[in-house]
Amino acid sequence: MSEPRAIPLSVPCIRGNARAYLDECLTTNFVSSVGPFVERFEREFAAYVGARHAVACSSGTAAIHVALRLLGIGPGDEVLVPTLTFIASANPILYEHATPILVDAEEQTWNLDPELVVEELARRARAGERMPKAVLAVHLLGHPARIAPLADACERHGVTLIEDAAEALGSRYTGGTHDGRHVGTIGRIGCFSFNGNKIITTGGGGMLTTDDAQLARRAKHLTTQARLPGPEYFHDEVGYNYRLTNLQAALGVAQLELLDEFVAAKRAIAARYDAALAALPGLSPPPRAAWAAPSLWLYTARLGAELGLDRKQLFARLAAARIDTRPIWTPLHLMPMYANARRLGGAVAERLFAACLSLPCSADLDERDQARVIAALAGAARG
């Protein structure tokens, strides 16, 4: 008897105009960082999320790095960043020799706890201490962060808010001050990723968004090696080869055309998991705040004690059934390069890390494969 087909965690869904647009790049010979699809992708992406400007980058990490450079963050500056996030959120802070301060997650959304940030900024104000240069909020796993109190506190204390929306393209706010706004458009700068497992992909790539025309111009300058116009290859500062290629942008345009379809598919997959988990003791669905319309990039279940298995044991059982899963991000404070960083809390992040497991949720995951995942979960729950 042959082994069952492997079910991956999250893989690209390439269809629509992708082949036609890539063929156009090959036919016209615009395959590098110069070509019409780069500007088109930037323009159409900005329009989709509701930002005035978008600058394509070689990765989401590059977008965050450039954001820090744009804000002049460097040695002696502090940046508040979640401890429960992919490491690329924080590493650019170290690239610029600045100081990360790691903030715990909240139970409500699993994102950075805004109350800890509000309290820290207020404490510094009372004590007359220097403020951090920025707060970098992450929209984890496709669910918007609770941004309103962060934005209010940052404005009140003169701290810049940056959004890492790498995991949450397609997510919006549905109530309150930011009703109807897309993630990545509320802070001064937003950063997105198009890595291969994201909700849309360019193979590898990212985007920086802002409403500030001057910041957008300088971002484009920095991502193109800070080269001035003219034939002499004169560069006026240290820049980066952070450009997105025309080939990647062509794929991005085709993917963006399908984004609403992908988000709808992710939500349908999540609804089926929700219904299944309701009947399985010891497994609960990911957060859904009433004020958010999440894109649910990675569907992540939380294990309770009544399941009778820990996260590692469930991972092993599903792996034996050729079902790919993944734990939630390892908190940064548990890694050697951040072990000595100052922290605001950390216990919630550690609890989530120990108890959460992301399940297969590719946009083209069919119901038969999802039923197989659910059956494997039920089998594990029964022991």
Protein backbone atom coordinates (compact mmCIF):
# COMPACT_ATOMS: atom_id res chain seq x y z
CA MET A 1 0.00 0.00 0.00
CA SER A 2 1.45 3.36 -1.01
CA GLU A 3 1.95 6.18 1.44
CA PRO A 4 -0.70 8.93 1.45
CA ARG A 5 0.13 12.08 -0.43
CA ALA A 6 1.91 14.72 1.65
CA ILE A 7 -0.19 17.74 2.61
CA PRO A 8 2.03 20.85 2.81
CA LEU A 9 1.56 23.66 5.31
CA SER A 10 1.25 26.60 2.91
CA VAL A 11 2.39 26.67 -0.70
CA PRO A 12 1.96 29.15 -3.56
CA CYS A 13 -1.13 29.10 -5.72
CA ILE A 14 0.07 30.20 -9.17
CA ARG A 15 -2.62 30.74 -11.79
CA GLY A 16 -4.47 33.53 -13.56
CA ASN A 17 -2.27 35.83 -15.65
CA ALA A 18 1.05 34.68 -14.16
CA ARG A 19 2.29 32.83 -17.22
CA ALA A 20 1.20 35.57 -19.64
CA TYR A 21 2.89 38.32 -17.64
CA LEU A 22 6.10 36.31 -17.20
CA ASP A 23 6.12 35.54 -20.92
CA GLU A 24 5.82 39.28 -21.59
CA CYS A 25 8.94 39.87 -19.47
CA LEU A 26 10.86 37.22 -21.42
CA THR A 27 9.66 38.51 -24.78
CA THR A 28 10.57 42.12 -24.03
CA ASN A 29 13.82 41.14 -22.23
CA PHE A 30 12.82 43.14 -19.14
CA VAL A 31 13.87 40.55 -16.59
CA SER A 32 15.95 42.55 -14.09
CA SER A 33 15.05 45.48 -11.83
CA VAL A 34 14.12 47.76 -14.73
CA GLY A 35 10.79 47.16 -16.40
CA PRO A 36 7.15 48.23 -16.48
CA PHE A 37 5.85 45.59 -14.08
CA VAL A 38 7.80 46.99 -11.13
CA GLU A 39 6.05 50.36 -11.27
CA ARG A 40 2.73 48.69 -12.07
CA PHE A 41 3.02 46.41 -9.06
CA GLU A 42 3.88 49.35 -6.80
CA ARG A 43 0.99 51.42 -8.14
CA GLU A 44 -1.61 48.64 -7.95
CA PHE A 45 -0.43 47.45 -4.54
CA ALA A 46 -0.67 50.98 -3.10
CA ALA A 47 -4.18 51.32 -4.51
CA TYR A 48 -5.25 47.97 -3.06
CA VAL A 49 -4.16 48.69 0.52
CA GLY A 50 -5.05 52.38 0.39
CA ALA A 51 -1.56 53.86 0.73
CA ARG A 52 -0.35 56.84 -1.28
CA HIS A 53 2.99 55.26 -2.12
CA ALA A 54 4.50 51.77 -2.36
CA VAL A 55 8.14 50.88 -2.98
CA ALA A 56 8.99 47.34 -4.06
CA CYS A 57 11.85 45.62 -2.23
CA SER A 58 13.75 42.35 -2.50
CA SER A 59 12.18 41.00 0.72
CA GLY A 60 10.03 41.96 3.66
CA THR A 61 13.20 42.07 5.75
CA ALA A 62 14.66 44.60 3.33
CA ALA A 63 11.52 46.71 3.66
CA ILE A 64 11.89 46.79 7.47
CA HIS A 65 15.59 47.57 7.20
CA VAL A 66 14.92 50.47 4.84
CA ALA A 67 12.13 51.72 7.13
CA LEU A 68 14.62 51.98 9.99
CA ARG A 69 17.10 53.82 7.78
CA LEU A 70 14.39 56.25 6.65
CA LEU A 71 13.65 57.09 10.27
CA GLY A 72 17.32 57.60 11.14
CA ILE A 73 17.35 54.77 13.69
CA GLY A 74 20.86 53.84 14.76
CA PRO A 75 23.20 53.31 17.71
CA GLY A 76 21.66 54.41 21.01
CA ASP A 77 18.09 54.28 19.69
CA GLU A 78 15.55 51.85 21.08
CA VAL A 79 12.79 50.09 19.15
CA LEU A 80 9.94 48.22 20.81
CA VAL A 81 9.16 44.99 18.94
CA PRO A 82 7.14 41.87 19.81
CA THR A 83 9.00 38.91 21.22
CA LEU A 84 6.46 36.61 19.52
CA THR A 85 7.32 37.18 15.86
CA PHE A 86 9.48 35.88 13.06
CA ILE A 87 13.06 36.96 13.67
CA ALA A 88 13.10 39.18 10.55
CA SER A 89 10.96 41.71 12.43
CA ALA A 90 13.80 42.37 14.87
CA ASN A 91 17.04 41.59 13.04
CA PRO A 92 17.09 44.88 11.06
CA ILE A 93 17.19 46.70 14.41
CA LEU A 94 20.51 44.96 15.05
CA TYR A 95 21.66 45.67 11.48
CA GLU A 96 21.53 49.36 12.40
CA HIS A 97 23.16 48.76 15.81
CA ALA A 98 20.05 49.98 17.59
CA THR A 99 18.56 48.36 20.70
CA PRO A 100 15.47 46.14 20.57
CA ILE A 101 13.11 46.01 23.54
CA LEU A 102 10.99 42.86 23.40
CA VAL A 103 7.29 43.19 24.23
CA ASP A 104 5.09 40.28 25.26
CA ALA A 105 2.05 39.06 23.33
CA GLU A 106 -1.56 39.54 24.44
CA GLU A 107 -4.09 36.73 24.77
CA GLN A 108 -6.73 38.63 22.78
CA THR A 109 -4.91 38.60 19.42
CA TRP A 110 -1.51 36.95 20.10
CA ASN A 111 0.04 40.18 18.80
CA LEU A 112 2.16 42.68 20.72
CA ASP A 113 0.34 43.73 23.92
CA PRO A 114 -0.49 47.42 23.45
CA GLU A 115 -1.12 47.95 27.17
CA LEU A 116 2.51 47.12 27.93
CA VAL A 117 3.62 49.70 25.36
CA VAL A 118 1.19 52.35 26.64
CA GLU A 119 2.40 51.78 30.21
CA GLU A 120 6.08 51.88 29.20
CA LEU A 121 5.74 55.14 27.28
CA ALA A 122 3.74 56.72 30.11
CA ARG A 123 6.32 55.57 32.67
CA ARG A 124 9.13 57.12 30.66
CA ALA A 125 7.20 60.36 30.31
CA ARG A 126 6.65 60.57 34.06
CA ALA A 127 10.30 59.79 34.77
CA GLY A 128 11.60 62.20 32.14
CA GLU A 129 13.37 59.34 30.36
CA ARG A 130 14.22 59.25 26.69
CA MET A 131 11.51 57.72 24.52
CA PRO A 132 12.14 54.81 22.16
CA LYS A 133 12.62 55.92 18.57
CA ALA A 134 9.91 53.61 17.22
CA VAL A 135 7.38 50.89 17.97
CA LEU A 136 7.35 48.10 15.41
CA ALA A 137 3.97 46.36 15.56
CA VAL A 138 3.56 42.99 13.86
CA HIS A 139 0.26 41.62 12.51
CA LEU A 140 0.86 37.99 13.42
CA LEU A 141 -0.36 35.04 11.32
CA GLY A 142 -2.83 37.19 9.38
CA HIS A 143 -4.65 38.83 12.32
CA PRO A 144 -4.45 42.63 12.75
CA ALA A 145 -2.77 43.92 15.86
CA ARG A 146 -4.79 46.06 18.29
CA ILE A 147 -3.39 49.18 16.70
CA ALA A 148 -5.58 52.04 18.03
CA PRO A 149 -4.01 52.28 21.52
CA LEU A 150 -0.55 51.90 19.99
CA ALA A 151 -1.16 54.67 17.46
CA ASP A 152 -2.62 56.97 20.14
CA ALA A 153 0.28 56.41 22.55
CA CYS A 154 2.91 56.85 19.84
CA GLU A 155 1.35 60.12 18.69
CA ARG A 156 1.04 61.38 22.26
CA HIS A 157 4.70 60.71 23.05
CA GLY A 158 6.29 61.51 19.68
CA VAL A 159 7.25 57.91 18.87
CA THR A 160 7.08 56.62 15.31
CA LEU A 161 4.84 53.62 14.61
CA ILE A 162 5.98 51.07 12.00
CA GLU A 163 3.82 48.13 10.91
CA ASP A 164 5.22 44.76 9.95
CA ALA A 165 2.31 43.42 7.88
CA ALA A 166 4.39 40.65 6.27
CA GLU A 167 1.94 37.96 7.44
CA ALA A 168 -1.33 39.86 7.09
CA LEU A 169 -1.87 41.23 3.58
CA GLY A 170 -5.63 41.25 2.95
CA SER A 171 -6.51 41.96 6.60
CA ARG A 172 -8.54 45.01 7.56
CA TYR A 173 -10.05 46.77 10.55
CA THR A 174 -13.83 46.64 10.76
CA GLY A 175 -14.62 48.95 13.61
CA GLY A 176 -13.41 51.87 15.67
CA THR A 177 -11.03 54.62 14.62
CA HIS A 178 -9.55 52.65 11.74
CA ASP A 179 -12.70 51.09 10.34
CA GLY A 180 -12.10 49.94 6.76
CA ARG A 181 -8.35 50.50 6.86
CA HIS A 182 -5.93 47.82 5.70
CA VAL A 183 -3.04 46.71 7.88
CA GLY A 184 0.21 48.45 6.96
CA THR A 185 -1.43 51.84 6.35
CA ILE A 186 -1.86 53.23 9.86
CA GLY A 187 1.72 53.64 11.01
CA ARG A 188 4.11 55.99 9.28
CA ILE A 189 5.55 53.06 7.31
CA GLY A 190 4.15 49.62 6.52
CA CYS A 191 6.17 46.58 5.43
CA PHE A 192 4.92 43.52 3.55
CA SER A 193 6.41 40.21 2.38
CA PHE A 194 5.82 38.09 -0.73
CA ASN A 195 7.87 35.08 0.29
CA GLY A 196 6.87 31.75 -1.24
CA ASN A 197 4.50 30.76 1.55
CA LYS A 198 2.75 34.12 1.94
CA ILE A 199 -0.82 34.77 0.82
CA ILE A 200 0.53 36.18 -2.45
CA THR A 201 4.06 35.56 -3.63
CA THR A 202 6.69 36.91 -5.96
CA GLY A 203 8.98 34.01 -5.06
CA GLY A 204 10.78 36.37 -2.71
CA GLY A 205 10.11 40.06 -2.31
CA GLY A 206 8.54 42.77 -0.21
CA MET A 207 6.88 46.16 -0.27
CA LEU A 208 7.21 49.34 1.78
CA THR A 209 4.14 51.58 2.01
CA THR A 210 3.80 55.14 3.24
CA ASP A 211 1.69 58.24 2.73
CA ASP A 212 4.81 60.42 2.88
CA ALA A 213 6.08 61.24 -0.63
CA GLN A 214 9.51 62.27 0.64
CA LEU A 215 9.97 58.98 2.52
CA ALA A 216 8.87 57.04 -0.56
CA ARG A 217 11.40 58.85 -2.78
CA ARG A 218 14.22 58.15 -0.35
CA ALA A 219 13.14 54.53 0.03
CA LYS A 220 13.39 54.09 -3.73
CA HIS A 221 16.81 55.77 -3.63
CA LEU A 222 18.13 53.52 -0.85
CA THR A 223 16.83 50.32 -2.46
CA THR A 224 18.59 51.16 -5.73
CA GLN A 225 22.09 51.54 -4.25
CA ALA A 226 21.57 55.28 -3.57
CA ARG A 227 22.64 56.01 -7.14
CA LEU A 228 22.03 59.51 -8.49
CA PRO A 229 20.69 60.04 -12.03
CA GLY A 230 23.28 60.24 -14.78
CA PRO A 231 25.82 57.99 -16.49
CA GLU A 232 28.61 58.29 -13.91
CA TYR A 233 27.33 55.80 -11.32
CA PHE A 234 27.65 58.37 -8.54
CA HIS A 235 26.22 57.33 -5.18
CA ASP A 236 25.59 59.92 -2.48
CA GLU A 237 25.23 57.55 0.53
CA VAL A 238 25.38 53.87 1.45
CA GLY A 239 22.47 52.16 -0.27
CA TYR A 240 21.38 48.60 -0.89
CA ASN A 241 20.66 46.27 -3.76
CA TYR A 242 17.14 45.75 -2.45
CA ARG A 243 15.36 45.98 -5.79
CA LEU A 244 12.55 43.71 -6.93
CA THR A 245 13.01 42.35 -10.44
CA ASN A 246 10.55 42.89 -13.25
CA LEU A 247 10.02 39.11 -13.39
CA GLN A 248 9.06 39.03 -9.71
CA ALA A 249 6.85 42.09 -10.08
CA ALA A 250 5.05 40.50 -13.04
CA LEU A 251 4.20 37.52 -10.84
CA GLY A 252 3.19 39.93 -8.09
CA VAL A 253 0.74 41.75 -10.36
CA ALA A 254 -0.86 38.45 -11.36
CA GLN A 255 -1.05 37.35 -7.72
CA LEU A 256 -2.52 40.67 -6.58
CA GLU A 257 -5.33 40.19 -9.09
CA LEU A 258 -6.25 37.00 -7.18
CA LEU A 259 -5.72 38.27 -3.63
CA ASP A 260 -9.41 38.64 -2.77
CA GLU A 261 -10.00 35.10 -4.03
CA PHE A 262 -7.12 33.80 -1.90
CA VAL A 263 -8.40 35.59 1.23
CA ALA A 264 -11.88 34.15 0.67
CA ALA A 265 -10.35 30.67 0.33
CA LYS A 266 -8.32 31.11 3.54
CA ARG A 267 -11.48 32.16 5.39
CA ALA A 268 -13.44 29.18 4.07
CA ILE A 269 -10.64 26.84 5.17
CA ALA A 270 -10.63 28.51 8.59
CA ALA A 271 -14.41 28.11 8.92
CA ARG A 272 -14.14 24.36 8.28
CA TYR A 273 -11.35 24.04 10.84
CA ASP A 274 -13.36 26.09 13.34
CA ALA A 275 -16.33 23.76 13.01
CA ALA A 276 -14.14 20.67 13.38
CA LEU A 277 -12.22 21.99 16.40
CA ALA A 278 -15.48 22.79 18.18
CA ALA A 279 -16.07 19.04 18.40
CA LEU A 280 -12.53 18.17 19.50
CA PRO A 281 -11.73 18.62 23.21
CA GLY A 282 -8.42 20.31 23.82
CA LEU A 283 -8.12 22.18 20.50
CA SER A 284 -9.25 25.76 20.02
CA PRO A 285 -9.18 28.07 16.99
CA PRO A 286 -6.98 31.16 16.58
CA PRO A 287 -8.18 34.59 17.76
CA ARG A 288 -10.88 36.52 15.93
CA ALA A 289 -11.36 40.04 17.28
CA ALA A 290 -14.76 41.62 16.61
CA TRP A 291 -13.05 44.70 15.17
CA ALA A 292 -10.93 42.81 12.63
CA ALA A 293 -11.32 41.00 9.32
CA PRO A 294 -8.22 38.79 9.37
CA SER A 295 -6.77 37.17 6.25
CA LEU A 296 -5.92 34.05 8.34
CA TRP A 297 -2.62 33.45 6.54
CA LEU A 298 -1.65 30.52 8.78
CA TYR A 299 -4.46 28.77 10.62
CA THR A 300 -3.02 28.09 14.07
CA ALA A 301 -4.76 25.93 16.64
CA ARG A 302 -4.12 26.12 20.37
CA LEU A 303 -3.76 22.92 22.39
CA GLY A 304 -5.31 22.62 25.83
CA ALA A 305 -4.36 20.24 28.63
CA GLU A 306 -7.48 18.14 28.05
CA LEU A 307 -6.08 17.02 24.68
CA GLY A 308 -3.64 14.78 26.53
CA LEU A 309 -0.84 15.59 24.06
CA ASP A 310 1.65 18.38 23.98
CA ARG A 311 2.43 20.33 20.83
CA LYS A 312 5.52 18.28 19.99
CA GLN A 313 3.60 15.00 20.31
CA LEU A 314 0.80 16.24 18.05
CA PHE A 315 3.37 17.48 15.55
CA ALA A 316 4.95 14.01 15.46
CA ARG A 317 1.62 12.23 14.98
CA LEU A 318 0.61 14.49 12.12
CA ALA A 319 4.05 14.19 10.54
CA ALA A 320 3.66 10.41 10.60
CA ALA A 321 0.46 10.90 8.60
CA ARG A 322 2.43 13.06 6.10
CA ILE A 323 0.68 16.22 7.24
CA ASP A 324 2.94 19.25 7.51
CA THR A 325 2.50 21.49 10.55
CA ARG A 326 4.58 24.14 12.27
CA PRO A 327 4.82 25.61 15.76
CA ILE A 328 4.18 29.28 16.24
CA TRP A 329 7.31 31.45 16.20
CA THR A 330 9.88 30.82 18.91
CA PRO A 331 9.86 33.94 21.14
CA LEU A 332 12.88 36.07 20.39
CA HIS A 333 13.98 36.22 24.02
CA LEU A 334 14.61 32.46 23.89
CA MET A 335 17.25 32.92 21.16
CA PRO A 336 20.90 33.64 21.94
CA MET A 337 21.15 36.94 20.08
CA TYR A 338 18.19 38.37 22.02
CA ALA A 339 18.60 36.58 25.35
CA ASN A 340 19.98 39.70 27.05
CA ALA A 341 17.55 42.16 25.48
CA ARG A 342 15.31 44.11 27.82
CA ARG A 343 11.83 42.64 28.00
CA LEU A 344 8.35 43.82 28.85
CA GLY A 345 6.75 40.57 29.99
CA GLY A 346 7.17 37.35 28.03
CA ALA A 347 5.07 34.73 29.81
CA VAL A 348 2.16 34.92 27.34
CA ALA A 349 4.48 34.44 24.36
CA GLU A 350 6.05 31.40 25.99
CA ARG A 351 2.64 29.86 26.72
CA LEU A 352 1.55 30.36 23.12
CA PHE A 353 4.80 28.92 21.79
CA ALA A 354 4.30 25.80 23.88
CA ALA A 355 0.67 25.32 22.89
CA CYS A 356 0.14 26.47 19.27
CA LEU A 357 0.47 24.56 16.01
CA SER A 358 -0.21 25.86 12.48
CA LEU A 359 -2.21 23.51 10.25
CA PRO A 360 -2.19 23.11 6.44
CA CYS A 361 -4.04 26.05 4.90
CA SER A 362 -2.75 26.71 1.37
CA ALA A 363 -5.28 28.77 -0.59
CA ASP A 364 -5.87 25.79 -2.89
CA LEU A 365 -6.19 23.20 -0.09
CA ASP A 366 -9.13 21.06 -1.18
CA GLU A 367 -11.83 19.84 1.17
CA ARG A 368 -10.74 16.20 0.85
CA ASP A 369 -7.21 16.97 2.07
CA GLN A 370 -8.54 19.20 4.81
CA ALA A 371 -10.86 16.39 5.91
CA ARG A 372 -7.78 14.18 6.16
CA VAL A 373 -6.09 16.72 8.43
CA ILE A 374 -9.22 16.96 10.58
CA ALA A 375 -9.47 13.17 10.80
CA ALA A 376 -5.83 12.97 11.90
CA LEU A 377 -6.50 15.61 14.59
CA ALA A 378 -9.54 13.66 15.77
CA GLY A 379 -7.52 10.45 15.86
CA ALA A 380 -4.82 12.12 17.92
CA ALA A 381 -7.43 13.56 20.29
CA ARG A 382 -8.90 10.08 20.82
CA GLY A 383 -5.44 8.72 21.55
